[in-house]
C-alpha atoms as a PDB file:
ATOM      1  CA  MET A   1     -11.430 -23.987 -37.581  1.00  0.00           C
ATOM      2  CA  GLY A   2     -14.023 -24.091 -40.368  1.00  0.00           C
ATOM      3  CA  SER A   3     -16.909 -26.442 -40.842  1.00  0.00           C
ATOM      4  CA  GLU A   4     -15.189 -29.452 -42.387  1.00  0.00           C
ATOM      5  CA  THR A   5     -14.049 -32.646 -40.736  1.00  0.00           C
ATOM      6  CA  VAL A   6     -10.421 -32.399 -39.651  1.00  0.00           C
ATOM      7  CA  MET A   7      -8.120 -35.377 -40.276  1.00  0.00           C
ATOM      8  CA  VAL A   8      -5.506 -35.939 -37.623  1.00  0.00           C
ATOM      9  CA  ASP A   9      -3.143 -38.664 -38.759  1.00  0.00           C
ATOM     10  CA  GLY A  10      -5.905 -40.357 -40.659  1.00  0.00           C
ATOM     11  CA  VAL A  11      -8.448 -40.011 -37.776  1.00  0.00           C
ATOM     12  CA  PRO A  12     -11.542 -37.876 -38.576  1.00  0.00           C
ATOM     13  CA  PHE A  13     -12.629 -35.286 -36.026  1.00  0.00           C
ATOM     14  CA  PRO A  14     -15.983 -33.502 -36.682  1.00  0.00           C
ATOM     15  CA  PRO A  15     -15.845 -29.663 -36.458  1.00  0.00           C
ATOM     16  CA  GLN A  16     -18.452 -29.748 -33.676  1.00  0.00           C
ATOM     17  CA  THR A  17     -19.666 -32.186 -31.083  1.00  0.00           C
ATOM     18  CA  THR A  18     -23.407 -32.571 -30.498  1.00  0.00           C
ATOM     19  CA  THR A  19     -23.198 -35.002 -27.619  1.00  0.00           C
ATOM     20  CA  THR A  20     -22.808 -32.157 -25.102  1.00  0.00           C
ATOM     21  CA  SER A  21     -25.447 -29.851 -23.651  1.00  0.00           C
ATOM     22  CA  LYS A  22     -24.601 -27.292 -26.355  1.00  0.00           C
ATOM     23  CA  PRO A  23     -22.461 -27.635 -29.517  1.00  0.00           C
ATOM     24  CA  LEU A  24     -18.763 -27.308 -28.869  1.00  0.00           C
ATOM     25  CA  SER A  25     -16.195 -26.389 -31.493  1.00  0.00           C
ATOM     26  CA  LEU A  26     -12.994 -28.224 -32.386  1.00  0.00           C
ATOM     27  CA  LEU A  27     -10.398 -25.602 -31.421  1.00  0.00           C
ATOM     28  CA  GLY A  28      -7.277 -27.758 -31.244  1.00  0.00           C
ATOM     29  CA  HIS A  29      -5.944 -31.164 -32.208  1.00  0.00           C
ATOM     30  CA  GLY A  30      -2.761 -33.191 -32.235  1.00  0.00           C
ATOM     31  CA  ILE A  31      -1.229 -36.483 -31.296  1.00  0.00           C
ATOM     32  CA  THR A  32       0.651 -38.255 -28.528  1.00  0.00           C
ATOM     33  CA  ASP A  33       3.812 -39.948 -29.614  1.00  0.00           C
ATOM     34  CA  ILE A  34       7.168 -41.287 -28.536  1.00  0.00           C
ATOM     35  CA  GLU A  35      10.448 -41.603 -30.384  1.00  0.00           C
ATOM     36  CA  ILE A  36      12.131 -45.026 -30.139  1.00  0.00           C
ATOM     37  CA  HIS A  37      15.422 -45.559 -32.023  1.00  0.00           C
ATOM     38  CA  PHE A  38      14.679 -42.574 -34.256  1.00  0.00           C
ATOM     39  CA  LEU A  39      11.243 -43.959 -35.161  1.00  0.00           C
ATOM     40  CA  GLN A  40       8.143 -41.886 -34.290  1.00  0.00           C
ATOM     41  CA  ILE A  41       5.505 -44.106 -32.705  1.00  0.00           C
ATOM     42  CA  LYS A  42       2.092 -42.437 -32.635  1.00  0.00           C
ATOM     43  CA  PHE A  43      -0.260 -43.569 -29.877  1.00  0.00           C
ATOM     44  CA  THR A  44      -3.363 -41.343 -29.934  1.00  0.00           C
ATOM     45  CA  ALA A  45      -4.999 -38.586 -31.915  1.00  0.00           C
ATOM     46  CA  ILE A  46      -6.607 -35.798 -29.782  1.00  0.00           C
ATOM     47  CA  GLY A  47      -9.341 -33.293 -30.474  1.00  0.00           C
ATOM     48  CA  VAL A  48     -10.154 -30.469 -27.989  1.00  0.00           C
ATOM     49  CA  TYR A  49     -13.718 -29.155 -28.115  1.00  0.00           C
ATOM     50  CA  LEU A  50     -14.687 -25.946 -26.292  1.00  0.00           C
ATOM     51  CA  GLU A  51     -17.481 -23.478 -26.189  1.00  0.00           C
ATOM     52  CA  PRO A  52     -16.540 -20.744 -28.663  1.00  0.00           C
ATOM     53  CA  ASP A  53     -17.483 -18.057 -26.077  1.00  0.00           C
ATOM     54  CA  ILE A  54     -14.513 -19.208 -23.922  1.00  0.00           C
ATOM     55  CA  SER A  55     -12.888 -16.136 -25.554  1.00  0.00           C
ATOM     56  CA  ALA A  56     -14.913 -13.902 -23.174  1.00  0.00           C
ATOM     57  CA  HIS A  57     -12.868 -15.381 -20.311  1.00  0.00           C
ATOM     58  CA  LEU A  58      -9.473 -14.984 -22.070  1.00  0.00           C
ATOM     59  CA  GLN A  59      -9.616 -11.318 -23.049  1.00  0.00           C
ATOM     60  CA  GLN A  60      -6.385 -10.438 -21.344  1.00  0.00           C
ATOM     61  CA  TRP A  61      -4.534 -12.473 -23.983  1.00  0.00           C
ATOM     62  CA  LYS A  62      -6.363 -10.910 -26.939  1.00  0.00           C
ATOM     63  CA  GLY A  63      -4.046 -10.017 -29.867  1.00  0.00           C
ATOM     64  CA  LYS A  64      -1.285 -12.411 -28.905  1.00  0.00           C
ATOM     65  CA  PRO A  65      -0.106 -14.867 -31.605  1.00  0.00           C
ATOM     66  CA  GLY A  66      -0.539 -18.583 -31.121  1.00  0.00           C
ATOM     67  CA  THR A  67       3.291 -19.024 -30.817  1.00  0.00           C
ATOM     68  CA  ALA A  68       3.365 -16.821 -27.747  1.00  0.00           C
ATOM     69  CA  LEU A  69       0.229 -18.386 -26.194  1.00  0.00           C
ATOM     70  CA  ALA A  70       1.664 -21.920 -26.636  1.00  0.00           C
ATOM     71  CA  GLU A  71       4.553 -20.968 -24.324  1.00  0.00           C
ATOM     72  CA  ASP A  72       2.305 -19.240 -21.740  1.00  0.00           C
ATOM     73  CA  ASP A  73       1.244 -21.669 -18.970  1.00  0.00           C
ATOM     74  CA  ASP A  74      -0.857 -18.970 -17.335  1.00  0.00           C
ATOM     75  CA  PHE A  75      -2.907 -18.744 -20.506  1.00  0.00           C
ATOM     76  CA  PHE A  76      -3.628 -22.476 -20.436  1.00  0.00           C
ATOM     77  CA  GLN A  77      -4.508 -22.291 -16.760  1.00  0.00           C
ATOM     78  CA  GLY A  78      -7.019 -19.595 -17.905  1.00  0.00           C
ATOM     79  CA  VAL A  79      -8.398 -22.073 -20.436  1.00  0.00           C
ATOM     80  CA  ILE A  80      -8.674 -24.803 -17.749  1.00  0.00           C
ATOM     81  CA  ASN A  81     -10.320 -22.458 -15.260  1.00  0.00           C
ATOM     82  CA  ALA A  82     -12.749 -20.865 -17.764  1.00  0.00           C
ATOM     83  CA  PRO A  83     -16.405 -21.812 -16.676  1.00  0.00           C
ATOM     84  CA  VAL A  84     -17.320 -23.291 -20.041  1.00  0.00           C
ATOM     85  CA  GLU A  85     -18.055 -26.857 -21.175  1.00  0.00           C
ATOM     86  CA  LYS A  86     -15.045 -28.746 -22.433  1.00  0.00           C
ATOM     87  CA  LEU A  87     -14.653 -32.136 -24.193  1.00  0.00           C
ATOM     88  CA  ILE A  88     -11.426 -33.921 -25.053  1.00  0.00           C
ATOM     89  CA  ARG A  89     -11.754 -36.714 -27.595  1.00  0.00           C
ATOM     90  CA  VAL A  90      -8.881 -39.179 -27.686  1.00  0.00           C
ATOM     91  CA  VAL A  91      -8.722 -41.733 -30.500  1.00  0.00           C
ATOM     92  CA  VAL A  92      -6.372 -44.726 -30.364  1.00  0.00           C
ATOM     93  CA  ILE A  93      -3.880 -45.023 -33.227  1.00  0.00           C
ATOM     94  CA  LYS A  94      -1.676 -47.746 -31.811  1.00  0.00           C
ATOM     95  CA  GLU A  95      -3.214 -50.646 -29.860  1.00  0.00           C
ATOM     96  CA  ILE A  96      -2.228 -50.784 -26.136  1.00  0.00           C
ATOM     97  CA  LYS A  97      -3.677 -52.371 -23.021  1.00  0.00           C
ATOM     98  CA  GLY A  98      -6.009 -50.196 -21.022  1.00  0.00           C
ATOM     99  CA  SER A  99      -3.891 -50.942 -17.995  1.00  0.00           C
ATOM    100  CA  GLN A 100      -0.923 -49.197 -19.628  1.00  0.00           C
ATOM    101  CA  TYR A 101      -2.970 -46.065 -20.363  1.00  0.00           C
ATOM    102  CA  GLY A 102      -4.425 -46.146 -16.817  1.00  0.00           C
ATOM    103  CA  VAL A 103      -0.951 -46.269 -15.278  1.00  0.00           C
ATOM    104  CA  GLN A 104       0.162 -43.304 -17.413  1.00  0.00           C
ATOM    105  CA  LEU A 105      -2.865 -41.339 -16.418  1.00  0.00           C
ATOM    106  CA  GLU A 106      -2.470 -42.242 -12.704  1.00  0.00           C
ATOM    107  CA  SER A 107       1.206 -41.286 -12.715  1.00  0.00           C
ATOM    108  CA  ALA A 108       0.653 -37.909 -14.516  1.00  0.00           C
ATOM    109  CA  VAL A 109      -2.236 -36.952 -12.236  1.00  0.00           C
ATOM    110  CA  ARG A 110      -0.571 -38.103  -9.013  1.00  0.00           C
ATOM    111  CA  ASP A 111       2.659 -36.216  -9.760  1.00  0.00           C
ATOM    112  CA  ARG A 112       0.639 -33.017 -10.414  1.00  0.00           C
ATOM    113  CA  LEU A 113      -1.380 -33.443  -7.211  1.00  0.00           C
ATOM    114  CA  ALA A 114       1.719 -34.200  -5.120  1.00  0.00           C
ATOM    115  CA  ALA A 115       3.491 -31.121  -6.491  1.00  0.00           C
ATOM    116  CA  GLU A 116       0.696 -28.983  -5.132  1.00  0.00           C
ATOM    117  CA  ASP A 117       0.297 -30.978  -1.879  1.00  0.00           C
ATOM    118  CA  LYS A 118      -3.191 -32.101  -2.857  1.00  0.00           C
ATOM    119  CA  TYR A 119      -2.647 -35.869  -2.875  1.00  0.00           C
ATOM    120  CA  GLU A 120      -4.788 -37.063   0.017  1.00  0.00           C
ATOM    121  CA  GLU A 121      -6.722 -40.257   0.691  1.00  0.00           C
ATOM    122  CA  GLU A 122      -9.753 -39.090  -1.376  1.00  0.00           C
ATOM    123  CA  GLU A 123      -7.596 -38.373  -4.413  1.00  0.00           C
ATOM    124  CA  GLU A 124      -5.838 -41.743  -4.038  1.00  0.00           C
ATOM    125  CA  GLU A 125      -9.202 -43.525  -3.935  1.00  0.00           C
ATOM    126  CA  ALA A 126     -10.506 -41.646  -6.978  1.00  0.00           C
ATOM    127  CA  LEU A 127      -7.327 -42.524  -8.922  1.00  0.00           C
ATOM    128  CA  GLU A 128      -7.537 -46.190  -7.949  1.00  0.00           C
ATOM    129  CA  LYS A 129     -11.086 -46.321  -9.379  1.00  0.00           C
ATOM    130  CA  LEU A 130      -9.789 -44.800 -12.601  1.00  0.00           C
ATOM    131  CA  VAL A 131      -7.025 -47.321 -12.869  1.00  0.00           C
ATOM    132  CA  GLU A 132      -9.538 -50.110 -12.181  1.00  0.00           C
ATOM    133  CA  PHE A 133     -11.842 -48.724 -14.885  1.00  0.00           C
ATOM    134  CA  PHE A 134      -9.128 -48.920 -17.580  1.00  0.00           C
ATOM    135  CA  GLN A 135      -7.586 -52.210 -16.283  1.00  0.00           C
ATOM    136  CA  SER A 136     -10.142 -54.417 -18.039  1.00  0.00           C
ATOM    137  CA  LYS A 137     -10.144 -52.508 -21.311  1.00  0.00           C
ATOM    138  CA  TYR A 138      -8.178 -53.204 -24.447  1.00  0.00           C
ATOM    139  CA  PHE A 139      -7.501 -50.156 -26.618  1.00  0.00           C
ATOM    140  CA  LYS A 140      -7.934 -51.417 -30.155  1.00  0.00           C
ATOM    141  CA  LYS A 141      -7.145 -49.009 -33.000  1.00  0.00           C
ATOM    142  CA  ASP A 142      -9.939 -46.382 -33.363  1.00  0.00           C
ATOM    143  CA  SER A 143     -11.239 -46.951 -29.791  1.00  0.00           C
ATOM    144  CA  VAL A 144     -12.320 -43.605 -28.331  1.00  0.00           C
ATOM    145  CA  ILE A 145     -11.848 -42.161 -24.848  1.00  0.00           C
ATOM    146  CA  THR A 146     -13.888 -39.047 -24.207  1.00  0.00           C
ATOM    147  CA  PHE A 147     -13.281 -36.720 -21.265  1.00  0.00           C
ATOM    148  CA  HIS A 148     -16.265 -34.418 -20.620  1.00  0.00           C
ATOM    149  CA  PHE A 149     -15.991 -31.497 -18.244  1.00  0.00           C
ATOM    150  CA  PRO A 150     -19.313 -29.770 -17.562  1.00  0.00           C
ATOM    151  CA  ALA A 151     -19.381 -25.967 -17.245  1.00  0.00           C
ATOM    152  CA  ALA A 152     -21.104 -25.817 -13.857  1.00  0.00           C
ATOM    153  CA  SER A 153     -19.370 -28.633 -12.057  1.00  0.00           C
ATOM    154  CA  PRO A 154     -15.777 -29.415 -11.030  1.00  0.00           C
ATOM    155  CA  THR A 155     -16.257 -33.105 -11.916  1.00  0.00           C
ATOM    156  CA  ALA A 156     -15.605 -35.088 -15.090  1.00  0.00           C
ATOM    157  CA  GLU A 157     -17.109 -38.016 -16.959  1.00  0.00           C
ATOM    158  CA  ILE A 158     -14.945 -40.450 -18.916  1.00  0.00           C
ATOM    159  CA  VAL A 159     -16.482 -42.617 -21.629  1.00  0.00           C
ATOM    160  CA  PHE A 160     -14.686 -45.463 -23.353  1.00  0.00           C
ATOM    161  CA  ALA A 161     -16.042 -46.766 -26.643  1.00  0.00           C
ATOM    162  CA  THR A 162     -14.655 -49.577 -28.780  1.00  0.00           C
ATOM    163  CA  GLU A 163     -16.067 -51.333 -31.834  1.00  0.00           C
ATOM    164  CA  GLY A 164     -18.898 -53.768 -31.126  1.00  0.00           C
ATOM    165  CA  LYS A 165     -19.062 -53.122 -27.358  1.00  0.00           C
ATOM    166  CA  GLU A 166     -21.375 -51.001 -25.323  1.00  0.00           C
ATOM    167  CA  ASP A 167     -19.802 -47.770 -24.138  1.00  0.00           C
ATOM    168  CA  SER A 168     -18.529 -47.906 -20.577  1.00  0.00           C
ATOM    169  CA  LYS A 169     -18.307 -44.772 -18.439  1.00  0.00           C
ATOM    170  CA  ILE A 170     -17.022 -43.573 -15.096  1.00  0.00           C
ATOM    171  CA  ALA A 171     -17.684 -40.402 -13.198  1.00  0.00           C
ATOM    172  CA  VAL A 172     -14.709 -38.567 -11.613  1.00  0.00           C
ATOM    173  CA  GLU A 173     -16.291 -36.882  -8.620  1.00  0.00           C
ATOM    174  CA  ASN A 174     -13.055 -35.653  -7.063  1.00  0.00           C
ATOM    175  CA  ALA A 175     -12.503 -32.087  -8.188  1.00  0.00           C
ATOM    176  CA  ASN A 176      -8.676 -32.203  -7.759  1.00  0.00           C
ATOM    177  CA  VAL A 177      -8.349 -35.299  -9.856  1.00  0.00           C
ATOM    178  CA  ALA A 178     -10.635 -33.848 -12.606  1.00  0.00           C
ATOM    179  CA  GLU A 179      -8.576 -30.703 -12.632  1.00  0.00           C
ATOM    180  CA  MET A 180      -5.307 -32.575 -13.047  1.00  0.00           C
ATOM    181  CA  ILE A 181      -6.716 -34.701 -15.932  1.00  0.00           C
ATOM    182  CA  LYS A 182      -7.487 -31.391 -17.615  1.00  0.00           C
ATOM    183  CA  ARG A 183      -4.006 -30.212 -16.961  1.00  0.00           C
ATOM    184  CA  TRP A 184      -2.536 -33.447 -18.377  1.00  0.00           C
ATOM    185  CA  TYR A 185      -4.165 -32.702 -21.727  1.00  0.00           C
ATOM    186  CA  LEU A 186      -4.416 -28.866 -21.618  1.00  0.00           C
ATOM    187  CA  GLY A 187      -1.532 -27.875 -19.366  1.00  0.00           C
ATOM    188  CA  GLY A 188       0.494 -25.743 -21.745  1.00  0.00           C
ATOM    189  CA  THR A 189       4.191 -26.642 -21.813  1.00  0.00           C
ATOM    190  CA  ARG A 190       3.523 -29.477 -19.302  1.00  0.00           C
ATOM    191  CA  GLY A 191       0.743 -31.011 -21.336  1.00  0.00           C
ATOM    192  CA  VAL A 192       1.093 -34.591 -22.689  1.00  0.00           C
ATOM    193  CA  SER A 193       0.830 -33.483 -26.359  1.00  0.00           C
ATOM    194  CA  PRO A 194       2.868 -30.468 -27.540  1.00  0.00           C
ATOM    195  CA  SER A 195       1.246 -30.657 -31.009  1.00  0.00           C
ATOM    196  CA  THR A 196      -2.203 -30.286 -29.473  1.00  0.00           C
ATOM    197  CA  ILE A 197      -1.120 -27.391 -27.307  1.00  0.00           C
ATOM    198  CA  ALA A 198       0.408 -25.537 -30.281  1.00  0.00           C
ATOM    199  CA  CYS A 199      -2.690 -26.089 -32.375  1.00  0.00           C
ATOM    200  CA  LEU A 200      -5.050 -25.097 -29.579  1.00  0.00           C
ATOM    201  CA  ALA A 201      -3.004 -21.929 -29.030  1.00  0.00           C
ATOM    202  CA  ASP A 202      -3.427 -20.995 -32.713  1.00  0.00           C
ATOM    203  CA  GLY A 203      -7.150 -21.845 -32.611  1.00  0.00           C
ATOM    204  CA  LEU A 204      -7.838 -19.738 -29.521  1.00  0.00           C
ATOM    205  CA  SER A 205      -5.672 -16.910 -30.838  1.00  0.00           C
ATOM    206  CA  ALA A 206      -7.901 -16.858 -33.983  1.00  0.00           C
ATOM    207  CA  VAL A 207     -11.082 -16.879 -31.820  1.00  0.00           C
ATOM    208  CA  LEU A 208      -9.709 -14.039 -29.717  1.00  0.00           C
ATOM    209  CA  SER A 209      -8.891 -11.952 -32.702  1.00  0.00           C
ATOM    210  CA  LYS A 210     -12.464 -11.928 -33.943  1.00  0.00           C
END
């Protein structure tokens, strides 16, 4: 992806993150949007940061073009399962209430858990805490939500940062919920942002061809 800042719809994404235990590279980016009456409304810009040596865990897809990988849900499950550090940076383009985002997240995660018969009391509690976390937030333009997935743990940490306020964070201790958040953003054809998936497929195809 090079060493320059990448602009995603006017939002800058650095080529590497240094907030993690080791530098992670920006390997994919895109937006979430919706079309209303033929108008494209853009909500968030997304940057996906991964350890470059994730390629060691994806060798069976070596040589495949990004266009093929973008359609391959098994490939993205391989990305999700790879035991490397991952960070998803989501920057707000259009202001919304945190409660609206929380409901979207809850619904996407719950549907995925239910489909695999993994929606039990513990998952419900973990999701309720997440919804509560976002409930009191207001997503101003340029607010940042960061999802951090450590390499050695099935958990996640979510950090919310908005101008002039101290960062607030929440730990997602439930492994099933953390997994489904990953799938919401990185889940191939079922991911929330097709543009991010297509870009990430191209980025990983390039890393695998080295």
